[in-house]
Amino acid sequence: MSANVENDILSVEKRRQDALIAGDIDALDALFEDSLIHIHAPGLVHTKALLLEHVAVRRAYIEITRQDLLLRTFGDSAVLTGGIVNRMHAPDGGERTIDGVVTQVLHRGDDGQWRFVSFQMTPYGDQVWGALPSEKPEQADEEESE
């Protein structure tokens, strides 16, 4: 993947974040494919039209922080995966923070522009299984062999 493609996609993601915080429906409309499916952390599924209405009515986003992004491209498609922390207004007037991992799929249209076609956030939860043997730190392996 070229540095230009990577920069283009990361720029589109930054514009998405800024538009959500600003409630900029026109910018979001341009960044999302008409076929967009957006799955919020609690499992709520929105089409593009519903997501735009959600943003316009609720104006929930205060701050969005991304972490450890992995970007993979496959021709005119890209998958962006990584951590996210959303600081948001709560329905009761307070604030709430939701953090987890997001998978986003983008497509480059005939006009050369990257647009989002899919978004799914999975909030962090209990890790009931623990680490796999290959994921354990080497220090733990050394202690076990003593």
Protein backbone atom coordinates (compact mmCIF):
# COMPACT_ATOMS: atom_id res chain seq x y z
CA MET A 1 0.00 0.00 0.00
CA SER A 2 1.36 3.39 -0.91
CA ALA A 3 1.84 6.13 1.66
CA ASN A 4 -0.60 8.29 -0.34
CA VAL A 5 -3.38 5.70 -0.05
CA GLU A 6 -2.73 5.29 3.67
CA ASN A 7 -2.74 9.06 4.20
CA ASP A 8 -5.96 9.42 2.16
CA ILE A 9 -7.78 6.80 4.24
CA LEU A 10 -6.54 8.14 7.58
CA SER A 11 -7.59 11.62 6.45
CA VAL A 12 -11.10 10.34 5.66
CA GLU A 13 -11.27 8.80 9.15
CA LYS A 14 -10.15 12.09 10.74
CA ARG A 15 -12.79 13.99 8.73
CA ARG A 16 -15.43 11.48 9.94
CA GLN A 17 -14.44 12.10 13.56
CA ASP A 18 -14.47 15.90 13.14
CA ALA A 19 -17.84 15.82 11.36
CA LEU A 20 -19.44 13.65 14.07
CA ILE A 21 -18.24 16.03 16.78
CA ALA A 22 -19.37 19.11 14.83
CA GLY A 23 -22.67 17.52 13.78
CA ASP A 24 -21.74 18.31 10.17
CA ILE A 25 -24.38 16.30 8.30
CA ASP A 26 -23.25 17.47 4.85
CA ALA A 27 -19.69 16.29 5.49
CA LEU A 28 -20.91 12.94 6.83
CA ASP A 29 -23.24 12.53 3.86
CA ALA A 30 -20.23 12.92 1.55
CA LEU A 31 -18.07 10.49 3.60
CA PHE A 32 -20.63 7.66 3.75
CA GLU A 33 -21.70 5.40 0.87
CA ASP A 34 -25.48 5.28 0.46
CA SER A 35 -25.31 1.57 1.40
CA LEU A 36 -23.59 2.28 4.77
CA ILE A 37 -24.37 -0.02 7.69
CA HIS A 38 -23.27 1.42 11.05
CA ILE A 39 -23.41 -0.81 14.12
CA HIS A 40 -23.11 1.09 17.40
CA ALA A 41 -21.49 -0.39 20.53
CA PRO A 42 -24.77 -1.65 22.05
CA GLY A 43 -25.69 -3.39 18.79
CA LEU A 44 -27.99 -0.72 17.36
CA VAL A 45 -27.91 -0.96 13.56
CA HIS A 46 -28.30 2.19 11.48
CA THR A 47 -28.49 2.75 7.75
CA LYS A 48 -26.87 5.91 6.39
CA ALA A 49 -30.14 7.83 6.66
CA LEU A 50 -30.73 6.74 10.26
CA LEU A 51 -27.15 7.52 11.28
CA LEU A 52 -27.36 11.01 9.80
CA GLU A 53 -30.64 11.57 11.67
CA HIS A 54 -29.07 10.18 14.86
CA VAL A 55 -26.17 12.64 14.61
CA ALA A 56 -28.40 15.60 13.74
CA VAL A 57 -30.93 14.98 16.54
CA ARG A 58 -28.69 13.74 19.35
CA ARG A 59 -25.39 15.61 18.76
CA ALA A 60 -23.86 13.05 21.11
CA TYR A 61 -20.16 13.13 20.21
CA ILE A 62 -17.80 15.31 22.27
CA GLU A 63 -14.42 13.71 21.53
CA ILE A 64 -13.20 10.70 19.55
CA THR A 65 -9.74 9.21 20.09
CA ARG A 66 -8.31 6.42 17.93
CA GLN A 67 -5.55 4.01 18.97
CA ASP A 68 -3.33 1.40 17.31
CA LEU A 69 -4.89 1.48 13.85
CA LEU A 70 -4.27 -1.39 11.44
CA LEU A 71 -5.01 -0.52 7.82
CA ARG A 72 -5.26 -3.14 5.09
CA THR A 73 -6.19 -2.51 1.47
CA PHE A 74 -7.58 -4.88 -1.12
CA GLY A 75 -7.80 -3.06 -4.43
CA ASP A 76 -10.52 -0.44 -4.06
CA SER A 77 -11.52 -1.66 -0.58
CA ALA A 78 -9.87 -0.97 2.75
CA VAL A 79 -10.35 -2.34 6.26
CA LEU A 80 -9.39 -0.12 9.20
CA THR A 81 -9.32 -1.79 12.61
CA GLY A 82 -8.29 -0.41 15.98
CA GLY A 83 -9.15 0.99 19.34
CA ILE A 84 -11.53 3.88 19.84
CA VAL A 85 -12.66 5.95 22.79
CA ASN A 86 -15.84 7.99 22.37
CA ARG A 87 -16.61 10.69 24.91
CA MET A 88 -20.28 11.47 24.47
CA HIS A 89 -23.23 13.34 25.87
CA ALA A 90 -25.58 11.03 27.79
CA PRO A 91 -29.39 11.15 27.44
CA ASP A 92 -29.68 12.34 31.07
CA GLY A 93 -27.55 15.42 30.34
CA GLY A 94 -24.30 14.02 31.71
CA GLU A 95 -21.41 12.43 29.87
CA ARG A 96 -20.36 8.87 29.19
CA THR A 97 -17.31 7.23 27.69
CA ILE A 98 -17.42 4.14 25.51
CA ASP A 99 -14.23 2.40 24.48
CA GLY A 100 -13.60 -0.67 22.42
CA VAL A 101 -12.43 -1.82 19.03
CA VAL A 102 -13.85 -0.71 15.69
CA THR A 103 -13.78 -2.34 12.28
CA GLN A 104 -14.47 0.02 9.39
CA VAL A 105 -14.71 -0.87 5.71
CA LEU A 106 -14.15 1.77 3.05
CA HIS A 107 -14.54 1.67 -0.71
CA ARG A 108 -12.88 3.90 -3.31
CA GLY A 109 -15.52 5.02 -5.79
CA ASP A 110 -15.18 5.77 -9.48
CA ASP A 111 -14.42 9.38 -8.49
CA GLY A 112 -11.35 8.21 -6.53
CA GLN A 113 -12.84 9.15 -3.15
CA TRP A 114 -12.79 6.76 -0.18
CA ARG A 115 -16.15 6.38 1.58
CA PHE A 116 -17.30 4.29 4.51
CA VAL A 117 -19.54 1.31 3.76
CA SER A 118 -19.44 -0.43 7.14
CA PHE A 119 -18.69 0.43 10.78
CA GLN A 120 -18.92 -1.87 13.79
CA MET A 121 -17.85 -1.07 17.33
CA THR A 122 -17.35 -3.78 19.91
CA PRO A 123 -16.94 -2.44 23.45
CA TYR A 124 -14.29 -3.95 25.67
CA GLY A 125 -15.71 -6.64 27.94
CA ASP A 126 -14.61 -9.40 30.26
CA GLN A 127 -11.82 -11.54 28.83
CA VAL A 128 -13.04 -14.83 30.30
CA TRP A 129 -10.54 -17.03 28.44
CA GLY A 130 -7.37 -15.08 29.20
CA ALA A 131 -4.32 -15.00 26.96
CA LEU A 132 -3.39 -17.78 24.56
CA PRO A 133 -0.02 -19.47 25.21
CA SER A 134 1.53 -17.54 22.32
CA GLU A 135 0.23 -14.24 23.73
CA LYS A 136 1.80 -14.65 27.16
CA PRO A 137 4.90 -12.61 27.93
CA GLU A 138 8.21 -14.45 27.64
CA GLN A 139 8.93 -13.75 31.30
CA ALA A 140 5.94 -15.87 32.32
CA ASP A 141 7.24 -18.72 30.13
CA GLU A 142 10.64 -18.54 31.84
CA GLU A 143 9.05 -18.64 35.30
CA GLU A 144 6.98 -21.69 34.37
CA SER A 145 10.09 -23.60 33.26
CA GLU A 146 11.91 -23.08 36.59
